[in-house]
């Protein structure tokens, strides 16, 4: 079993405090600003695309053909329809591909 390690507990608590302060700090900064500078607003608007890229890019380069085909199908659907349809299209392609090859 796992042994109780007080240093590990302190490390987890410290990580929790730092995470909390990071999250609440951003909120406090935005609330205190009377007007958000254009550069900050542009950076905040770029965050979703950056996060999506960090999630999708490794899967594209490491994944097999099923992943690439599903991403391409999701891209095509995403150009025309909302993101929920894009997600469902990618999922359907992956499931159909894996079912056809017996995985």
N, C-alpha and C. Protein backbone atom coordinates (compact mmCIF):
# COMPACT_ATOMS: atom_id res chain seq x y z
N UNK A 1 0.83 -1.19 0.00
CA UNK A 1 0.00 0.00 0.00
C UNK A 1 0.87 1.25 0.00
N UNK A 2 0.20 2.37 0.00
CA UNK A 2 0.91 3.64 0.00
C UNK A 2 1.23 4.07 1.42
N UNK A 3 2.43 4.56 1.61
CA UNK A 3 2.83 5.08 2.92
C UNK A 3 2.44 6.56 3.02
N UNK A 4 2.10 6.97 4.23
CA UNK A 4 1.78 8.38 4.47
C UNK A 4 3.08 9.17 4.50
N UNK A 5 3.16 10.17 3.66
CA UNK A 5 4.36 11.00 3.58
C UNK A 5 3.94 12.46 3.80
N UNK A 6 4.33 13.04 4.95
CA UNK A 6 3.91 14.42 5.23
C UNK A 6 4.44 15.43 4.21
N UNK A 7 5.60 15.16 3.63
CA UNK A 7 6.14 16.07 2.61
C UNK A 7 5.25 16.08 1.37
N UNK A 8 4.71 14.92 1.02
CA UNK A 8 3.84 14.83 -0.14
C UNK A 8 2.53 15.59 0.12
N UNK A 9 2.02 15.49 1.34
CA UNK A 9 0.80 16.23 1.69
C UNK A 9 1.06 17.73 1.60
N UNK A 10 2.20 18.18 2.10
CA UNK A 10 2.54 19.60 2.01
C UNK A 10 2.70 20.05 0.56
N UNK A 11 3.28 19.20 -0.26
CA UNK A 11 3.45 19.53 -1.67
C UNK A 11 2.09 19.66 -2.36
N UNK A 12 1.18 18.75 -2.06
CA UNK A 12 -0.16 18.81 -2.65
C UNK A 12 -0.90 20.06 -2.18
N UNK A 13 -0.80 20.37 -0.90
CA UNK A 13 -1.44 21.58 -0.39
C UNK A 13 -0.84 22.85 -1.00
N UNK A 14 0.48 22.87 -1.16
CA UNK A 14 1.13 24.03 -1.78
C UNK A 14 0.67 24.18 -3.23
N UNK A 15 0.57 23.08 -3.95
CA UNK A 15 0.09 23.13 -5.33
C UNK A 15 -1.35 23.63 -5.39
N UNK A 16 -2.16 23.21 -4.44
CA UNK A 16 -3.56 23.67 -4.39
C UNK A 16 -3.62 25.18 -4.14
N UNK A 17 -2.79 25.67 -3.22
CA UNK A 17 -2.79 27.10 -2.91
C UNK A 17 -2.32 27.91 -4.12
N UNK A 18 -1.26 27.46 -4.77
CA UNK A 18 -0.76 28.17 -5.95
C UNK A 18 -1.80 28.17 -7.06
N UNK A 19 -2.46 27.05 -7.28
CA UNK A 19 -3.51 26.99 -8.30
C UNK A 19 -4.64 27.94 -7.97
N UNK A 20 -5.08 27.95 -6.71
CA UNK A 20 -6.15 28.85 -6.29
C UNK A 20 -5.75 30.31 -6.49
N UNK A 21 -4.54 30.66 -6.06
CA UNK A 21 -4.09 32.05 -6.19
C UNK A 21 -3.98 32.47 -7.65
N UNK A 22 -3.55 31.55 -8.50
CA UNK A 22 -3.46 31.86 -9.93
C UNK A 22 -4.84 32.15 -10.50
N UNK A 23 -5.79 31.31 -10.16
CA UNK A 23 -7.14 31.49 -10.69
C UNK A 23 -7.81 32.75 -10.14
N UNK A 24 -7.74 32.94 -8.85
CA UNK A 24 -8.40 34.10 -8.25
C UNK A 24 -7.66 35.39 -8.58
N UNK A 25 -6.34 35.29 -8.77
CA UNK A 25 -5.56 36.48 -9.12
C UNK A 25 -5.96 37.06 -10.46
N UNK A 26 -6.18 36.21 -11.44
CA UNK A 26 -6.63 36.69 -12.74
C UNK A 26 -7.98 37.36 -12.65
N UNK A 27 -8.86 36.77 -11.89
CA UNK A 27 -10.20 37.36 -11.70
C UNK A 27 -10.10 38.73 -11.02
N UNK A 28 -9.29 38.81 -9.98
CA UNK A 28 -9.15 40.08 -9.25
C UNK A 28 -8.54 41.16 -10.15
N UNK A 29 -7.55 40.79 -10.96
CA UNK A 29 -6.95 41.77 -11.86
C UNK A 29 -7.96 42.32 -12.86
N UNK A 30 -8.77 41.44 -13.43
CA UNK A 30 -9.76 41.88 -14.41
C UNK A 30 -10.83 42.75 -13.76
N UNK A 31 -11.25 42.38 -12.54
CA UNK A 31 -12.28 43.16 -11.85
C UNK A 31 -11.75 44.55 -11.49
N UNK A 32 -10.48 44.64 -11.09
CA UNK A 32 -9.90 45.92 -10.67
C UNK A 32 -9.69 46.88 -11.86
N UNK A 33 -9.52 46.32 -13.06
CA UNK A 33 -9.30 47.17 -14.23
C UNK A 33 -10.62 47.83 -14.63
N UNK A 34 -10.57 49.12 -14.86
CA UNK A 34 -11.78 49.80 -15.34
C UNK A 34 -11.97 49.54 -16.83
N UNK A 35 -10.87 49.38 -17.52
CA UNK A 35 -10.90 49.12 -18.96
C UNK A 35 -9.80 48.12 -19.28
N UNK A 36 -10.14 47.08 -20.00
CA UNK A 36 -9.14 46.08 -20.37
C UNK A 36 -8.36 46.61 -21.58
N UNK A 37 -7.03 46.66 -21.48
CA UNK A 37 -6.23 47.13 -22.61
C UNK A 37 -6.42 46.21 -23.83
N UNK A 38 -6.34 46.76 -25.02
CA UNK A 38 -6.55 45.96 -26.23
C UNK A 38 -5.60 44.77 -26.35
N UNK A 39 -4.36 44.94 -25.92
CA UNK A 39 -3.41 43.83 -26.01
C UNK A 39 -3.80 42.68 -25.09
N UNK A 40 -4.28 43.01 -23.89
CA UNK A 40 -4.73 41.98 -22.95
C UNK A 40 -5.97 41.28 -23.50
N UNK A 41 -6.88 42.06 -24.05
CA UNK A 41 -8.09 41.47 -24.63
C UNK A 41 -7.75 40.55 -25.80
N UNK A 42 -6.80 40.96 -26.64
CA UNK A 42 -6.38 40.12 -27.76
C UNK A 42 -5.74 38.83 -27.25
N UNK A 43 -4.94 38.93 -26.20
CA UNK A 43 -4.31 37.73 -25.64
C UNK A 43 -5.36 36.79 -25.05
N UNK A 44 -6.34 37.34 -24.36
CA UNK A 44 -7.40 36.51 -23.79
C UNK A 44 -8.25 35.86 -24.87
N UNK A 45 -8.47 36.57 -25.97
CA UNK A 45 -9.23 35.99 -27.08
C UNK A 45 -8.47 34.87 -27.77
N UNK A 46 -7.14 34.87 -27.68
CA UNK A 46 -6.34 33.84 -28.33
C UNK A 46 -6.21 32.57 -27.49
N UNK A 47 -6.58 32.62 -26.23
CA UNK A 47 -6.40 31.47 -25.34
C UNK A 47 -7.15 30.22 -25.81
N UNK A 48 -8.43 30.29 -26.19
CA UNK A 48 -9.12 29.06 -26.61
C UNK A 48 -8.45 28.36 -27.79
N UNK A 49 -8.01 29.13 -28.78
CA UNK A 49 -7.34 28.53 -29.93
C UNK A 49 -6.01 27.89 -29.51
N UNK A 50 -5.30 28.53 -28.61
CA UNK A 50 -4.02 27.98 -28.15
C UNK A 50 -4.23 26.69 -27.38
N UNK A 51 -5.24 26.65 -26.53
CA UNK A 51 -5.52 25.44 -25.76
C UNK A 51 -5.94 24.31 -26.69
N UNK A 52 -6.81 24.61 -27.65
CA UNK A 52 -7.26 23.59 -28.60
C UNK A 52 -6.08 23.05 -29.40
N UNK A 53 -5.18 23.92 -29.81
CA UNK A 53 -4.01 23.48 -30.56
C UNK A 53 -3.13 22.56 -29.73
N UNK A 54 -2.94 22.87 -28.46
CA UNK A 54 -2.09 22.01 -27.63
C UNK A 54 -2.73 20.66 -27.38
N UNK A 55 -4.04 20.57 -27.47
CA UNK A 55 -4.72 19.28 -27.30
C UNK A 55 -4.76 18.47 -28.58
N UNK A 56 -4.94 19.14 -29.71
CA UNK A 56 -5.16 18.45 -30.98
C UNK A 56 -3.86 18.10 -31.69
N UNK A 57 -2.87 18.98 -31.67
CA UNK A 57 -1.64 18.77 -32.43
C UNK A 57 -0.92 17.47 -32.07
N UNK A 58 -0.71 17.16 -30.79
CA UNK A 58 -0.02 15.90 -30.49
C UNK A 58 -0.80 14.68 -30.99
N UNK A 59 -2.12 14.71 -30.86
CA UNK A 59 -2.93 13.59 -31.33
C UNK A 59 -2.81 13.44 -32.84
N UNK A 60 -2.72 14.54 -33.55
CA UNK A 60 -2.59 14.47 -35.00
C UNK A 60 -1.26 13.84 -35.41
N UNK A 61 -0.18 14.23 -34.75
CA UNK A 61 1.13 13.74 -35.15
C UNK A 61 1.44 12.34 -34.61
N UNK A 62 0.88 11.98 -33.48
CA UNK A 62 1.14 10.68 -32.88
C UNK A 62 0.11 9.65 -33.31
N UNK A 63 -1.13 10.10 -33.52
CA UNK A 63 -2.23 9.19 -33.83
C UNK A 63 -2.08 8.51 -35.18
N UNK A 64 -2.88 7.48 -35.37
CA UNK A 64 -2.87 6.74 -36.62
C UNK A 64 -3.78 7.38 -37.65
N UNK A 65 -4.06 6.61 -38.70
CA UNK A 65 -4.90 7.12 -39.78
C UNK A 65 -6.32 7.41 -39.30
N UNK A 66 -6.81 6.61 -38.35
CA UNK A 66 -8.17 6.85 -37.86
C UNK A 66 -8.28 8.24 -37.23
N UNK A 67 -7.24 8.64 -36.52
CA UNK A 67 -7.24 9.96 -35.90
C UNK A 67 -7.19 11.06 -36.94
N UNK A 68 -6.34 10.88 -37.94
CA UNK A 68 -6.22 11.91 -38.98
C UNK A 68 -7.50 12.04 -39.80
N UNK A 69 -8.12 10.92 -40.15
CA UNK A 69 -9.37 10.96 -40.91
C UNK A 69 -10.47 11.61 -40.08
N UNK A 70 -10.53 11.26 -38.79
CA UNK A 70 -11.55 11.85 -37.92
C UNK A 70 -11.34 13.35 -37.78
N UNK A 71 -10.09 13.78 -37.65
CA UNK A 71 -9.83 15.22 -37.53
C UNK A 71 -10.19 15.95 -38.81
N UNK A 72 -9.91 15.32 -39.95
CA UNK A 72 -10.26 15.95 -41.22
C UNK A 72 -11.78 16.07 -41.36
N UNK A 73 -12.49 15.00 -40.99
CA UNK A 73 -13.96 15.04 -41.04
C UNK A 73 -14.50 16.11 -40.09
N UNK A 74 -13.92 16.19 -38.90
CA UNK A 74 -14.36 17.20 -37.94
C UNK A 74 -14.06 18.61 -38.46
N UNK A 75 -12.93 18.77 -39.12
CA UNK A 75 -12.59 20.07 -39.70
C UNK A 75 -13.62 20.47 -40.76
N UNK A 76 -13.96 19.54 -41.65
CA UNK A 76 -14.94 19.85 -42.69
C UNK A 76 -16.30 20.21 -42.09
N UNK A 77 -16.72 19.45 -41.09
CA UNK A 77 -18.00 19.75 -40.44
C UNK A 77 -17.91 21.08 -39.69
N UNK A 78 -16.77 21.33 -39.05
CA UNK A 78 -16.59 22.55 -38.28
C UNK A 78 -16.59 23.82 -39.11
N UNK A 79 -16.27 23.70 -40.39
CA UNK A 79 -16.30 24.87 -41.26
C UNK A 79 -17.73 25.35 -41.52
N UNK A 80 -18.68 24.44 -41.37
CA UNK A 80 -20.07 24.77 -41.72
C UNK A 80 -21.02 24.79 -40.52
N UNK A 81 -20.75 23.95 -39.52
CA UNK A 81 -21.69 23.77 -38.41
C UNK A 81 -21.05 24.11 -37.07
N UNK A 82 -21.84 24.20 -36.00
CA UNK A 82 -21.30 24.49 -34.66
C UNK A 82 -20.35 23.40 -34.15
N UNK A 83 -19.62 23.74 -33.11
CA UNK A 83 -18.57 22.84 -32.60
C UNK A 83 -19.12 21.52 -32.07
N UNK A 84 -20.35 21.49 -31.59
CA UNK A 84 -20.91 20.23 -31.10
C UNK A 84 -21.02 19.23 -32.24
N UNK A 85 -21.46 19.68 -33.41
CA UNK A 85 -21.55 18.80 -34.57
C UNK A 85 -20.16 18.33 -34.99
N UNK A 86 -19.20 19.21 -34.87
CA UNK A 86 -17.82 18.85 -35.21
C UNK A 86 -17.32 17.73 -34.31
N UNK A 87 -17.60 17.84 -33.03
CA UNK A 87 -17.20 16.80 -32.08
C UNK A 87 -17.88 15.48 -32.39
N UNK A 88 -19.17 15.53 -32.66
CA UNK A 88 -19.93 14.30 -32.96
C UNK A 88 -19.43 13.68 -34.26
N UNK A 89 -19.14 14.48 -35.26
CA UNK A 89 -18.64 13.95 -36.53
C UNK A 89 -17.31 13.23 -36.35
N UNK A 90 -16.40 13.83 -35.61
CA UNK A 90 -15.12 13.17 -35.35
C UNK A 90 -15.30 11.88 -34.59
N UNK A 91 -16.17 11.88 -33.61
CA UNK A 91 -16.43 10.68 -32.81
C UNK A 91 -17.02 9.57 -33.67
N UNK A 92 -17.99 9.92 -34.53
CA UNK A 92 -18.62 8.92 -35.40
C UNK A 92 -17.59 8.31 -36.35
N UNK A 93 -16.73 9.13 -36.92
CA UNK A 93 -15.72 8.61 -37.84
C UNK A 93 -14.76 7.67 -37.12
N UNK A 94 -14.31 8.04 -35.93
CA UNK A 94 -13.40 7.16 -35.18
C UNK A 94 -14.08 5.85 -34.84
N UNK A 95 -15.32 5.90 -34.37
CA UNK A 95 -16.04 4.67 -34.01
C UNK A 95 -16.28 3.79 -35.23
N UNK A 96 -16.67 4.39 -36.34
CA UNK A 96 -16.91 3.62 -37.57
C UNK A 96 -15.61 2.99 -38.06
N UNK A 97 -14.54 3.75 -38.03
CA UNK A 97 -13.23 3.25 -38.49
C UNK A 97 -12.79 2.07 -37.62
N UNK A 98 -12.86 2.25 -36.32
CA UNK A 98 -12.42 1.20 -35.41
C UNK A 98 -13.32 -0.03 -35.49
N UNK A 99 -14.62 0.18 -35.71
CA UNK A 99 -15.53 -0.96 -35.85
C UNK A 99 -15.23 -1.72 -37.14
N UNK A 100 -14.88 -0.99 -38.20
CA UNK A 100 -14.61 -1.65 -39.48
C UNK A 100 -13.33 -2.48 -39.45
N UNK A 101 -12.36 -2.07 -38.64
CA UNK A 101 -11.12 -2.86 -38.57
C UNK A 101 -11.10 -3.80 -37.37
N UNK A 102 -12.17 -3.77 -36.58
CA UNK A 102 -12.30 -4.73 -35.49
C UNK A 102 -11.53 -4.41 -34.23
N UNK A 103 -11.36 -3.14 -33.93
CA UNK A 103 -10.66 -2.76 -32.70
C UNK A 103 -11.64 -2.63 -31.56
